[in-house]
Amino acid sequence: MQDFVMVTGMVISQLPVGEYDRRVCILTKEKGKISAFAKGARRSGSRFMAATSPFSFGQFKLYEGRNSYNIAEVSVSHYFEELRTDYIGAYYGMYFLEVADYYTRENNDEREMLKLLYQSIRALSHPAIPNALVRCVYELKAIQINGEYPGVPPGEWKESTIYALRFIETTEAGKLYTFAVTEEVLDELRKIAESYRRRFMDRQFKSLEILESLC
């Protein structure tokens, strides 16, 4: 009898395999980052086609193969379709997926990173929240979740900037995107986030390069 595993997570990348299949990377609440094959996902009309695209969030029913999981069923609760019509927002989102892929590991407890990723993608879909602020919050919180955040850097920062940094550090993902800042504070947050990203993330992110060429 086939044993199944149920996980909740978000597709963070996908690659074509063979003529019709896909290999997807899913950041899950239960097993950290995992790889799974979706057979026939690239066939026209496949029930897995949309469900195995990046940003798809939901429940995945899996069974183990020799080297990887295989997807038996998917129940998607959020496709984040808004990003499919907002190409700037989509590149922000793809950058967030790349950062999540960079930081997470298989069989690790990645629940906090998954929460951050989910809430940040949601925030990108909210017109009242500037994408640049979402990016700053996401980068700083990702560094903090990974245990590398050094706190407020030395310098003459605005009091509101220091407050925002401490709020980001101490607030859970579900309540992160509940504040607004002035352009001056956002500019300081950008400088700090950029400095910390260069210091703690030793990788070039393709989507970030494209994003920065567009913005």
N, C-alpha and C. Protein backbone atom coordinates (compact mmCIF):
# COMPACT_ATOMS: atom_id res chain seq x y z
N MET A 1 0.84 -1.20 0.00
CA MET A 1 0.00 0.00 0.00
C MET A 1 0.88 1.25 0.00
N GLN A 2 0.55 2.20 -0.85
CA GLN A 2 1.35 3.41 -0.98
C GLN A 2 1.19 4.31 0.23
N ASP A 3 2.33 4.73 0.81
CA ASP A 3 2.30 5.66 1.93
C ASP A 3 2.40 7.09 1.38
N PHE A 4 1.54 7.97 1.89
CA PHE A 4 1.53 9.35 1.43
C PHE A 4 1.97 10.28 2.55
N VAL A 5 2.53 11.41 2.14
CA VAL A 5 2.94 12.46 3.06
C VAL A 5 2.21 13.73 2.66
N MET A 6 1.61 14.42 3.64
CA MET A 6 0.92 15.68 3.37
C MET A 6 1.77 16.83 3.89
N VAL A 7 2.02 17.81 3.04
CA VAL A 7 2.79 18.98 3.46
C VAL A 7 2.08 20.24 2.99
N THR A 8 2.32 21.32 3.71
CA THR A 8 1.82 22.64 3.33
C THR A 8 3.00 23.51 2.96
N GLY A 9 2.95 24.16 1.81
CA GLY A 9 4.08 24.96 1.42
C GLY A 9 3.86 25.75 0.15
N MET A 10 4.95 26.37 -0.31
CA MET A 10 4.94 27.20 -1.51
C MET A 10 5.99 26.71 -2.50
N VAL A 11 5.62 26.67 -3.76
CA VAL A 11 6.57 26.32 -4.82
C VAL A 11 7.52 27.50 -5.00
N ILE A 12 8.83 27.24 -4.83
CA ILE A 12 9.80 28.33 -4.97
C ILE A 12 10.60 28.24 -6.26
N SER A 13 10.56 27.10 -6.94
CA SER A 13 11.20 26.99 -8.25
C SER A 13 10.69 25.75 -8.97
N GLN A 14 10.83 25.75 -10.30
CA GLN A 14 10.46 24.58 -11.08
C GLN A 14 11.36 24.48 -12.31
N LEU A 15 11.63 23.25 -12.71
CA LEU A 15 12.47 22.99 -13.87
C LEU A 15 11.80 21.92 -14.73
N PRO A 16 11.89 22.06 -16.06
CA PRO A 16 11.35 21.01 -16.93
C PRO A 16 12.21 19.75 -16.86
N VAL A 17 11.57 18.61 -16.89
CA VAL A 17 12.25 17.32 -16.90
C VAL A 17 11.64 16.48 -18.02
N GLY A 18 12.50 16.00 -18.90
CA GLY A 18 11.99 15.20 -20.01
C GLY A 18 11.07 16.03 -20.89
N GLU A 19 10.10 15.36 -21.49
CA GLU A 19 9.22 16.03 -22.44
C GLU A 19 8.01 16.68 -21.77
N TYR A 20 7.52 16.10 -20.67
CA TYR A 20 6.27 16.59 -20.10
C TYR A 20 6.31 16.83 -18.59
N ASP A 21 7.36 16.43 -17.90
CA ASP A 21 7.36 16.48 -16.44
C ASP A 21 8.01 17.76 -15.91
N ARG A 22 7.85 17.96 -14.61
CA ARG A 22 8.51 19.07 -13.92
C ARG A 22 9.12 18.57 -12.62
N ARG A 23 10.23 19.17 -12.27
CA ARG A 23 10.81 18.99 -10.95
C ARG A 23 10.62 20.30 -10.21
N VAL A 24 9.96 20.26 -9.07
CA VAL A 24 9.68 21.48 -8.32
C VAL A 24 10.39 21.46 -6.98
N CYS A 25 10.70 22.64 -6.50
CA CYS A 25 11.25 22.81 -5.16
C CYS A 25 10.16 23.49 -4.34
N ILE A 26 9.81 22.90 -3.22
CA ILE A 26 8.72 23.40 -2.37
C ILE A 26 9.27 23.70 -0.99
N LEU A 27 9.01 24.90 -0.49
CA LEU A 27 9.36 25.23 0.89
C LEU A 27 8.15 24.86 1.75
N THR A 28 8.33 23.90 2.65
CA THR A 28 7.21 23.36 3.40
C THR A 28 7.33 23.63 4.90
N LYS A 29 6.19 23.60 5.55
CA LYS A 29 6.13 23.78 7.00
C LYS A 29 6.67 22.56 7.73
N GLU A 30 6.43 21.37 7.15
CA GLU A 30 6.75 20.13 7.87
C GLU A 30 8.15 19.60 7.62
N LYS A 31 8.70 19.80 6.42
CA LYS A 31 9.97 19.16 6.06
C LYS A 31 11.01 20.11 5.47
N GLY A 32 10.80 21.40 5.69
CA GLY A 32 11.74 22.35 5.13
C GLY A 32 11.64 22.38 3.62
N LYS A 33 12.77 22.54 2.96
CA LYS A 33 12.80 22.61 1.50
C LYS A 33 12.92 21.20 0.93
N ILE A 34 12.01 20.85 0.03
CA ILE A 34 12.03 19.51 -0.58
C ILE A 34 11.91 19.63 -2.10
N SER A 35 12.35 18.57 -2.78
CA SER A 35 12.17 18.46 -4.23
C SER A 35 11.12 17.40 -4.51
N ALA A 36 10.34 17.62 -5.56
CA ALA A 36 9.31 16.65 -5.93
C ALA A 36 9.09 16.69 -7.43
N PHE A 37 8.76 15.54 -8.00
CA PHE A 37 8.45 15.45 -9.43
C PHE A 37 6.95 15.51 -9.63
N ALA A 38 6.54 16.25 -10.65
CA ALA A 38 5.14 16.32 -11.04
C ALA A 38 5.04 15.73 -12.45
N LYS A 39 4.59 14.52 -12.53
CA LYS A 39 4.53 13.82 -13.81
C LYS A 39 3.43 14.41 -14.69
N GLY A 40 3.80 14.71 -15.92
CA GLY A 40 2.85 15.24 -16.89
C GLY A 40 2.44 16.68 -16.65
N ALA A 41 3.15 17.41 -15.78
CA ALA A 41 2.75 18.77 -15.42
C ALA A 41 2.82 19.74 -16.60
N ARG A 42 3.59 19.41 -17.63
CA ARG A 42 3.72 20.32 -18.77
C ARG A 42 2.81 19.93 -19.94
N ARG A 43 2.02 18.91 -19.75
CA ARG A 43 1.04 18.55 -20.78
C ARG A 43 -0.11 19.56 -20.78
N SER A 44 -0.61 19.89 -21.94
CA SER A 44 -1.75 20.79 -22.03
C SER A 44 -2.93 20.22 -21.25
N GLY A 45 -3.50 21.05 -20.38
CA GLY A 45 -4.65 20.62 -19.59
C GLY A 45 -4.31 19.86 -18.33
N SER A 46 -3.01 19.71 -18.01
CA SER A 46 -2.63 18.97 -16.81
C SER A 46 -3.13 19.69 -15.55
N ARG A 47 -3.63 18.91 -14.60
CA ARG A 47 -4.09 19.50 -13.34
C ARG A 47 -2.93 20.00 -12.50
N PHE A 48 -1.70 19.62 -12.87
CA PHE A 48 -0.53 20.07 -12.12
C PHE A 48 0.14 21.29 -12.74
N MET A 49 -0.31 21.73 -13.92
CA MET A 49 0.41 22.80 -14.62
C MET A 49 0.48 24.07 -13.79
N ALA A 50 -0.66 24.62 -13.39
CA ALA A 50 -0.67 25.84 -12.59
C ALA A 50 -0.22 25.58 -11.16
N ALA A 51 -0.55 24.42 -10.64
CA ALA A 51 -0.27 24.11 -9.23
C ALA A 51 1.22 23.94 -8.95
N THR A 52 2.02 23.72 -9.99
CA THR A 52 3.47 23.55 -9.79
C THR A 52 4.25 24.76 -10.30
N SER A 53 3.57 25.89 -10.49
CA SER A 53 4.23 27.13 -10.88
C SER A 53 4.70 27.87 -9.64
N PRO A 54 5.77 28.66 -9.75
CA PRO A 54 6.24 29.45 -8.60
C PRO A 54 5.12 30.31 -8.01
N PHE A 55 5.16 30.48 -6.71
CA PHE A 55 4.21 31.22 -5.88
C PHE A 55 3.00 30.38 -5.46
N SER A 56 2.76 29.23 -6.10
CA SER A 56 1.59 28.43 -5.72
C SER A 56 1.74 27.94 -4.29
N PHE A 57 0.74 28.24 -3.47
CA PHE A 57 0.77 27.88 -2.05
C PHE A 57 -0.43 27.00 -1.73
N GLY A 58 -0.19 25.91 -1.02
CA GLY A 58 -1.29 25.04 -0.65
C GLY A 58 -0.80 23.75 -0.02
N GLN A 59 -1.62 22.71 -0.14
CA GLN A 59 -1.29 21.40 0.39
C GLN A 59 -0.88 20.46 -0.74
N PHE A 60 0.19 19.72 -0.48
CA PHE A 60 0.73 18.80 -1.46
C PHE A 60 0.71 17.39 -0.88
N LYS A 61 0.12 16.48 -1.60
CA LYS A 61 0.09 15.07 -1.21
C LYS A 61 1.19 14.36 -1.99
N LEU A 62 2.16 13.80 -1.28
CA LEU A 62 3.37 13.26 -1.88
C LEU A 62 3.54 11.78 -1.55
N TYR A 63 4.30 11.10 -2.40
CA TYR A 63 4.78 9.76 -2.07
C TYR A 63 6.24 9.68 -2.47
N GLU A 64 6.98 8.86 -1.75
CA GLU A 64 8.43 8.80 -1.95
C GLU A 64 8.81 7.91 -3.11
N GLY A 65 9.71 8.44 -3.95
CA GLY A 65 10.33 7.64 -5.00
C GLY A 65 11.73 7.26 -4.57
N ARG A 66 12.53 6.82 -5.52
CA ARG A 66 13.90 6.38 -5.17
C ARG A 66 14.78 7.54 -4.72
N ASN A 67 14.66 8.67 -5.42
CA ASN A 67 15.55 9.79 -5.13
C ASN A 67 14.82 11.07 -4.73
N SER A 68 13.53 11.05 -4.80
CA SER A 68 12.77 12.28 -4.58
C SER A 68 11.33 11.94 -4.27
N TYR A 69 10.59 12.95 -3.84
CA TYR A 69 9.15 12.79 -3.69
C TYR A 69 8.48 12.91 -5.06
N ASN A 70 7.29 12.37 -5.16
CA ASN A 70 6.44 12.55 -6.33
C ASN A 70 5.12 13.16 -5.87
N ILE A 71 4.56 14.02 -6.69
CA ILE A 71 3.31 14.67 -6.33
C ILE A 71 2.14 13.82 -6.79
N ALA A 72 1.26 13.51 -5.85
CA ALA A 72 0.04 12.74 -6.17
C ALA A 72 -1.15 13.67 -6.36
N GLU A 73 -1.27 14.66 -5.46
CA GLU A 73 -2.38 15.61 -5.53
C GLU A 73 -1.91 16.96 -4.99
N VAL A 74 -2.57 18.03 -5.45
CA VAL A 74 -2.30 19.37 -4.95
C VAL A 74 -3.61 20.10 -4.74
N SER A 75 -3.71 20.77 -3.59
CA SER A 75 -4.85 21.65 -3.33
C SER A 75 -4.29 23.05 -3.07
N VAL A 76 -4.37 23.92 -4.08
CA VAL A 76 -3.78 25.25 -3.98
C VAL A 76 -4.77 26.22 -3.36
N SER A 77 -4.34 26.93 -2.34
CA SER A 77 -5.19 27.94 -1.71
C SER A 77 -4.91 29.34 -2.23
N HIS A 78 -3.67 29.57 -2.70
CA HIS A 78 -3.31 30.89 -3.25
C HIS A 78 -2.34 30.70 -4.43
N TYR A 79 -2.73 31.29 -5.57
CA TYR A 79 -1.83 31.31 -6.73
C TYR A 79 -1.09 32.64 -6.84
N PHE A 80 -1.56 33.66 -6.10
CA PHE A 80 -1.03 35.02 -6.21
C PHE A 80 -1.04 35.49 -7.66
N GLU A 81 -2.21 35.39 -8.26
CA GLU A 81 -2.37 35.72 -9.67
C GLU A 81 -2.10 37.20 -9.96
N GLU A 82 -2.20 38.06 -8.94
CA GLU A 82 -1.92 39.48 -9.15
C GLU A 82 -0.51 39.69 -9.70
N LEU A 83 0.42 38.83 -9.28
CA LEU A 83 1.81 38.99 -9.72
C LEU A 83 2.00 38.59 -11.17
N ARG A 84 1.06 37.84 -11.72
CA ARG A 84 1.19 37.43 -13.12
C ARG A 84 0.87 38.58 -14.07
N THR A 85 0.22 39.63 -13.57
CA THR A 85 -0.09 40.80 -14.40
C THR A 85 0.72 42.03 -13.98
N ASP A 86 1.56 41.89 -12.99
CA ASP A 86 2.41 42.98 -12.50
C ASP A 86 3.86 42.51 -12.58
N TYR A 87 4.52 42.82 -13.71
CA TYR A 87 5.84 42.22 -13.91
C TYR A 87 6.89 42.75 -12.95
N ILE A 88 6.75 43.99 -12.49
CA ILE A 88 7.69 44.49 -11.48
C ILE A 88 7.47 43.74 -10.17
N GLY A 89 6.22 43.63 -9.75
CA GLY A 89 5.92 42.87 -8.54
C GLY A 89 6.37 41.43 -8.65
N ALA A 90 6.23 40.86 -9.86
CA ALA A 90 6.63 39.47 -10.08
C ALA A 90 8.14 39.31 -9.89
N TYR A 91 8.93 40.28 -10.34
CA TYR A 91 10.38 40.17 -10.15
C TYR A 91 10.77 40.34 -8.68
N TYR A 92 10.06 41.21 -7.96
CA TYR A 92 10.28 41.26 -6.52
C TYR A 92 10.00 39.89 -5.91
N GLY A 93 8.87 39.31 -6.30
CA GLY A 93 8.50 38.00 -5.77
C GLY A 93 9.51 36.92 -6.12
N MET A 94 10.00 36.91 -7.36
CA MET A 94 10.99 35.92 -7.76
C MET A 94 12.29 36.09 -6.96
N TYR A 95 12.63 37.34 -6.68
CA TYR A 95 13.80 37.58 -5.82
C TYR A 95 13.57 37.01 -4.43
N PHE A 96 12.39 37.20 -3.88
CA PHE A 96 12.08 36.64 -2.55
C PHE A 96 12.19 35.11 -2.57
N LEU A 97 11.71 34.49 -3.66
CA LEU A 97 11.82 33.04 -3.77
C LEU A 97 13.28 32.60 -3.81
N GLU A 98 14.11 33.35 -4.53
CA GLU A 98 15.54 33.01 -4.60
C GLU A 98 16.20 33.11 -3.23
N VAL A 99 15.85 34.14 -2.47
CA VAL A 99 16.42 34.30 -1.12
C VAL A 99 15.97 33.14 -0.22
N ALA A 100 14.70 32.76 -0.33
CA ALA A 100 14.21 31.64 0.46
C ALA A 100 14.94 30.35 0.09
N ASP A 101 15.20 30.16 -1.18
CA ASP A 101 15.94 28.99 -1.63
C ASP A 101 17.37 29.01 -1.08
N TYR A 102 17.97 30.18 -1.06
CA TYR A 102 19.34 30.36 -0.57
C TYR A 102 19.45 30.00 0.92
N TYR A 103 18.47 30.41 1.71
CA TYR A 103 18.57 30.26 3.16
C TYR A 103 18.08 28.92 3.71
N THR A 104 17.21 28.23 3.00
CA THR A 104 16.54 27.08 3.60
C THR A 104 17.20 25.75 3.22
N ARG A 105 16.94 24.74 4.05
CA ARG A 105 17.54 23.42 3.87
C ARG A 105 16.48 22.34 4.04
N GLU A 106 16.79 21.17 3.47
CA GLU A 106 15.89 20.04 3.60
C GLU A 106 15.90 19.51 5.04
N ASN A 107 14.72 19.10 5.50
CA ASN A 107 14.54 18.54 6.85
C ASN A 107 14.93 19.50 7.96
N ASN A 108 14.95 20.79 7.65
CA ASN A 108 15.18 21.83 8.65
C ASN A 108 13.83 22.41 9.09
N ASP A 109 13.78 23.02 10.23
CA ASP A 109 12.57 23.72 10.64
C ASP A 109 12.57 25.09 9.96
N GLU A 110 11.81 25.20 8.88
CA GLU A 110 11.79 26.43 8.09
C GLU A 110 10.43 27.13 8.18
N ARG A 111 9.71 26.89 9.26
CA ARG A 111 8.37 27.47 9.38
C ARG A 111 8.40 29.00 9.39
N GLU A 112 9.36 29.58 10.07
CA GLU A 112 9.41 31.04 10.14
C GLU A 112 9.75 31.64 8.78
N MET A 113 10.63 30.98 8.04
CA MET A 113 10.96 31.48 6.71
C MET A 113 9.77 31.34 5.76
N LEU A 114 9.03 30.26 5.89
CA LEU A 114 7.84 30.09 5.06
C LEU A 114 6.80 31.16 5.38
N LYS A 115 6.60 31.44 6.66
CA LYS A 115 5.65 32.48 7.06
C LYS A 115 6.08 33.83 6.49
N LEU A 116 7.38 34.13 6.60
CA LEU A 116 7.88 35.40 6.08
C LEU A 116 7.67 35.48 4.58
N LEU A 117 7.99 34.42 3.87
CA LEU A 117 7.84 34.41 2.42
C LEU A 117 6.38 34.62 2.04
N TYR A 118 5.49 33.88 2.68
CA TYR A 118 4.06 33.98 2.36
C TYR A 118 3.54 35.39 2.62
N GLN A 119 3.85 35.95 3.77
CA GLN A 119 3.35 37.28 4.11
C GLN A 119 3.96 38.35 3.21
N SER A 120 5.19 38.16 2.79
CA SER A 120 5.85 39.14 1.93
C SER A 120 5.28 39.11 0.52
N ILE A 121 4.98 37.91 0.01
CA ILE A 121 4.33 37.82 -1.30
C ILE A 121 2.94 38.45 -1.23
N ARG A 122 2.23 38.22 -0.14
CA ARG A 122 0.92 38.87 0.06
C ARG A 122 1.07 40.39 0.05
N ALA A 123 2.10 40.89 0.72
CA ALA A 123 2.30 42.34 0.81
C ALA A 123 2.57 42.94 -0.56
N LEU A 124 3.26 42.21 -1.44
CA LEU A 124 3.51 42.70 -2.79
C LEU A 124 2.20 42.91 -3.55
N SER A 125 1.19 42.15 -3.19
CA SER A 125 -0.11 42.24 -3.87
C SER A 125 -0.98 43.36 -3.30
N HIS A 126 -0.48 44.04 -2.27
CA HIS A 126 -1.25 45.09 -1.60
C HIS A 126 -0.79 46.45 -2.14
N PRO A 127 -1.65 47.16 -2.88
CA PRO A 127 -1.22 48.42 -3.52
C PRO A 127 -0.80 49.51 -2.54
N ALA A 128 -1.24 49.43 -1.29
CA ALA A 128 -0.91 50.48 -0.32
C ALA A 128 0.48 50.33 0.27
N ILE A 129 1.12 49.19 0.06
CA ILE A 129 2.45 48.96 0.64
C ILE A 129 3.49 49.05 -0.48
N PRO A 130 4.43 50.00 -0.40
CA PRO A 130 5.44 50.13 -1.45
C PRO A 130 6.30 48.87 -1.56
N ASN A 131 6.56 48.45 -2.79
CA ASN A 131 7.39 47.27 -3.00
C ASN A 131 8.77 47.42 -2.38
N ALA A 132 9.30 48.63 -2.44
CA ALA A 132 10.64 48.86 -1.88
C ALA A 132 10.67 48.62 -0.38
N LEU A 133 9.58 48.97 0.31
CA LEU A 133 9.51 48.72 1.75
C LEU A 133 9.38 47.23 2.02
N VAL A 134 8.57 46.54 1.23
CA VAL A 134 8.44 45.09 1.38
C VAL A 134 9.81 44.42 1.22
N ARG A 135 10.56 44.86 0.24
CA ARG A 135 11.89 44.27 0.03
C ARG A 135 12.80 44.50 1.24
N CYS A 136 12.82 45.72 1.78
CA CYS A 136 13.66 45.99 2.95
C CYS A 136 13.28 45.10 4.13
N VAL A 137 11.99 45.03 4.38
CA VAL A 137 11.51 44.22 5.51
C VAL A 137 11.89 42.76 5.29
N TYR A 138 11.65 42.27 4.08
CA TYR A 138 11.93 40.86 3.79
C TYR A 138 13.42 40.54 3.96
N GLU A 139 14.29 41.37 3.41
CA GLU A 139 15.72 41.11 3.50
C GLU A 139 16.19 41.12 4.95
N LEU A 140 15.79 42.13 5.70
CA LEU A 140 16.24 42.26 7.09
C LEU A 140 15.70 41.12 7.95
N LYS A 141 14.43 40.77 7.75
CA LYS A 141 13.84 39.70 8.56
C LYS A 141 14.43 38.35 8.19
N ALA A 142 14.71 38.13 6.92
CA ALA A 142 15.32 36.86 6.51
C ALA A 142 16.69 36.69 7.16
N ILE A 143 17.45 37.76 7.21
CA ILE A 143 18.77 37.71 7.86
C ILE A 143 18.59 37.43 9.35
N GLN A 144 17.58 38.05 9.96
CA GLN A 144 17.35 37.84 11.40
C GLN A 144 16.90 36.41 11.69
N ILE A 145 16.01 35.86 10.86
CA ILE A 145 15.56 34.48 11.05
C ILE A 145 16.73 33.51 10.93
N ASN A 146 17.67 33.85 10.06
CA ASN A 146 18.85 32.99 9.87
C ASN A 146 19.88 33.15 10.98
N GLY A 147 19.62 34.05 11.93
CA GLY A 147 20.52 34.20 13.08
C GLY A 147 21.73 35.07 12.84
N GLU A 148 21.69 35.90 11.80
CA GLU A 148 22.86 36.72 11.46
C GLU A 148 22.64 38.21 11.67
N TYR A 149 21.45 38.61 12.02
CA TYR A 149 21.14 40.04 12.10
C TYR A 149 21.90 40.69 13.25
N PRO A 150 22.72 41.72 12.97
CA PRO A 150 23.55 42.31 14.01
C PRO A 150 22.90 43.47 14.76
N GLY A 151 21.65 43.78 14.47
CA GLY A 151 20.98 44.89 15.13
C GLY A 151 21.16 46.19 14.38
N VAL A 152 20.83 47.27 15.04
CA VAL A 152 20.92 48.60 14.42
C VAL A 152 22.39 48.94 14.17
N PRO A 153 22.75 49.29 12.94
CA PRO A 153 24.17 49.59 12.67
C PRO A 153 24.57 50.95 13.23
N PRO A 154 25.86 51.14 13.47
CA PRO A 154 26.32 52.46 13.93
C PRO A 154 26.00 53.52 12.88
N GLY A 155 25.72 54.72 13.32
CA GLY A 155 25.44 55.80 12.38
C GLY A 155 24.40 56.74 12.94
N GLU A 156 24.24 57.86 12.27
CA GLU A 156 23.26 58.86 12.68
C GLU A 156 21.97 58.62 11.92
N TRP A 157 21.16 57.71 12.44
CA TRP A 157 19.90 57.35 11.80
C TRP A 157 18.75 58.09 12.44
N LYS A 158 17.71 58.31 11.67
CA LYS A 158 16.51 58.92 12.20
C LYS A 158 15.90 58.02 13.27
N GLU A 159 15.26 58.63 14.23
CA GLU A 159 14.64 57.85 15.31
C GLU A 159 13.60 56.88 14.75
N SER A 160 12.86 57.33 13.72
CA SER A 160 11.85 56.46 13.11
C SER A 160 12.48 55.27 12.41
N THR A 161 13.67 55.45 11.87
CA THR A 161 14.38 54.35 11.23
C THR A 161 14.78 53.30 12.26
N ILE A 162 15.30 53.76 13.39
CA ILE A 162 15.70 52.84 14.46
C ILE A 162 14.47 52.10 15.00
N TYR A 163 13.37 52.81 15.13
CA TYR A 163 12.14 52.16 15.59
C TYR A 163 11.70 51.08 14.60
N ALA A 164 11.76 51.41 13.29
CA ALA A 164 11.36 50.45 12.26
C ALA A 164 12.25 49.21 12.29
N LEU A 165 13.54 49.40 12.47
CA LEU A 165 14.46 48.27 12.52
C LEU A 165 14.15 47.37 13.71
N ARG A 166 13.88 47.96 14.84
CA ARG A 166 13.58 47.16 16.03
C ARG A 166 12.23 46.46 15.90
N PHE A 167 11.29 47.13 15.23
CA PHE A 167 9.99 46.51 14.98
C PHE A 167 10.15 45.29 14.09
N ILE A 168 10.91 45.42 13.03
CA ILE A 168 11.16 44.30 12.10
C ILE A 168 11.82 43.13 12.84
N GLU A 169 12.78 43.45 13.68
CA GLU A 169 13.53 42.41 14.39
C GLU A 169 12.65 41.62 15.37
N THR A 170 11.72 42.29 16.02
CA THR A 170 10.99 41.66 17.13
C THR A 170 9.57 41.21 16.78
N THR A 171 9.09 41.53 15.59
CA THR A 171 7.70 41.26 15.24
C THR A 171 7.57 39.99 14.42
N GLU A 172 6.53 39.21 14.69
CA GLU A 172 6.30 37.99 13.93
C GLU A 172 5.86 38.33 12.51
N ALA A 173 6.05 37.37 11.61
CA ALA A 173 5.82 37.61 10.19
C ALA A 173 4.41 38.09 9.89
N GLY A 174 3.42 37.54 10.59
CA GLY A 174 2.04 37.89 10.30
C GLY A 174 1.69 39.34 10.57
N LYS A 175 2.50 40.05 11.36
CA LYS A 175 2.22 41.44 11.71
C LYS A 175 3.28 42.41 11.19
N LEU A 176 4.17 41.92 10.35
CA LEU A 176 5.28 42.76 9.89
C LEU A 176 4.84 43.95 9.05
N TYR A 177 3.89 43.72 8.16
CA TYR A 177 3.55 44.74 7.18
C TYR A 177 2.36 45.58 7.66
N THR A 178 2.52 46.14 8.84
CA THR A 178 1.44 46.93 9.44
C THR A 178 1.92 48.34 9.78
N PHE A 179 2.98 48.80 9.13
CA PHE A 179 3.47 50.15 9.40
C PHE A 179 3.84 50.83 8.10
N ALA A 180 3.87 52.14 8.14
CA ALA A 180 4.28 52.95 6.99
C ALA A 180 5.45 53.83 7.40
N VAL A 181 6.23 54.27 6.43
CA VAL A 181 7.38 55.13 6.71
C VAL A 181 7.42 56.26 5.69
N THR A 182 8.14 57.30 6.04
CA THR A 182 8.36 58.41 5.10
C THR A 182 9.41 58.00 4.08
N GLU A 183 9.53 58.78 3.02
CA GLU A 183 10.53 58.50 2.00
C GLU A 183 11.94 58.57 2.59
N GLU A 184 12.15 59.50 3.52
CA GLU A 184 13.48 59.63 4.14
C GLU A 184 13.83 58.38 4.95
N VAL A 185 12.87 57.86 5.70
CA VAL A 185 13.11 56.64 6.48
C VAL A 185 13.29 55.45 5.55
N LEU A 186 12.48 55.37 4.51
CA LEU A 186 12.62 54.27 3.56
C LEU A 186 13.99 54.28 2.91
N ASP A 187 14.50 55.47 2.61
CA ASP A 187 15.83 55.58 2.01
C ASP A 187 16.90 55.05 2.97
N GLU A 188 16.77 55.34 4.27
CA GLU A 188 17.74 54.83 5.25
C GLU A 188 17.60 53.31 5.40
N LEU A 189 16.38 52.81 5.40
CA LEU A 189 16.18 51.36 5.49
C LEU A 189 16.79 50.65 4.28
N ARG A 190 16.65 51.26 3.11
CA ARG A 190 17.26 50.69 1.89
C ARG A 190 18.77 50.56 2.04
N LYS A 191 19.39 51.62 2.53
CA LYS A 191 20.85 51.61 2.68
C LYS A 191 21.29 50.52 3.66
N ILE A 192 20.57 50.38 4.77
CA ILE A 192 20.93 49.38 5.77
C ILE A 192 20.69 47.97 5.23
N ALA A 193 19.54 47.76 4.61
CA ALA A 193 19.23 46.44 4.07
C ALA A 193 20.23 46.04 2.98
N GLU A 194 20.60 47.00 2.14
CA GLU A 194 21.56 46.71 1.07
C GLU A 194 22.92 46.35 1.67
N SER A 195 23.33 47.09 2.69
CA SER A 195 24.61 46.81 3.35
C SER A 195 24.61 45.41 3.96
N TYR A 196 23.53 45.05 4.65
CA TYR A 196 23.46 43.74 5.28
C TYR A 196 23.33 42.62 4.25
N ARG A 197 22.59 42.89 3.16
CA ARG A 197 22.49 41.85 2.13
C ARG A 197 23.86 41.53 1.55
N ARG A 198 24.63 42.55 1.24
CA ARG A 198 25.97 42.32 0.68
C ARG A 198 26.89 41.64 1.69
N ARG A 199 26.66 41.90 2.94
CA ARG A 199 27.51 41.32 3.99
C ARG A 199 27.17 39.86 4.28
N PHE A 200 25.88 39.53 4.26
CA PHE A 200 25.47 38.21 4.73
C PHE A 200 24.99 37.25 3.64
N MET A 201 24.70 37.74 2.45
CA MET A 201 24.24 36.86 1.38
C MET A 201 25.29 36.80 0.28
N ASP A 202 26.08 35.75 0.30
CA ASP A 202 27.20 35.65 -0.65
C ASP A 202 26.76 34.97 -1.95
N ARG A 203 25.79 35.58 -2.60
CA ARG A 203 25.31 35.05 -3.88
C ARG A 203 24.76 36.19 -4.72
N GLN A 204 24.94 36.06 -6.03
CA GLN A 204 24.29 36.97 -6.96
C GLN A 204 22.93 36.39 -7.31
N PHE A 205 21.88 37.19 -7.16
CA PHE A 205 20.53 36.74 -7.45
C PHE A 205 20.11 37.26 -8.82
N LYS A 206 19.80 36.35 -9.73
CA LYS A 206 19.47 36.75 -11.10
C LYS A 206 18.28 37.68 -11.16
N SER A 207 17.23 37.35 -10.39
CA SER A 207 16.02 38.17 -10.43
C SER A 207 16.29 39.57 -9.88
N LEU A 208 17.20 39.69 -8.91
CA LEU A 208 17.53 41.00 -8.35
C LEU A 208 18.26 41.85 -9.39
N GLU A 209 19.15 41.23 -10.16
CA GLU A 209 19.85 41.96 -11.22
C GLU A 209 18.86 42.52 -12.23
N ILE A 210 17.88 41.71 -12.61
CA ILE A 210 16.86 42.17 -13.56
C ILE A 210 16.01 43.26 -12.92
N LEU A 211 15.61 43.05 -11.68
CA LEU A 211 14.77 44.01 -10.98
C LEU A 211 15.45 45.37 -10.90
N GLU A 212 16.72 45.38 -10.53
CA GLU A 212 17.43 46.65 -10.38
C GLU A 212 17.67 47.34 -11.71
N SER A 213 17.66 46.58 -12.81
CA SER A 213 17.77 47.20 -14.13
C SER A 213 16.46 47.83 -14.57
N LEU A 214 15.35 47.39 -13.95
CA LEU A 214 14.03 47.89 -14.33
C LEU A 214 13.57 49.06 -13.47
N CYS A 215 14.03 49.09 -12.21
CA CYS A 215 13.56 50.11 -11.26
C CYS A 215 14.52 51.29 -11.16
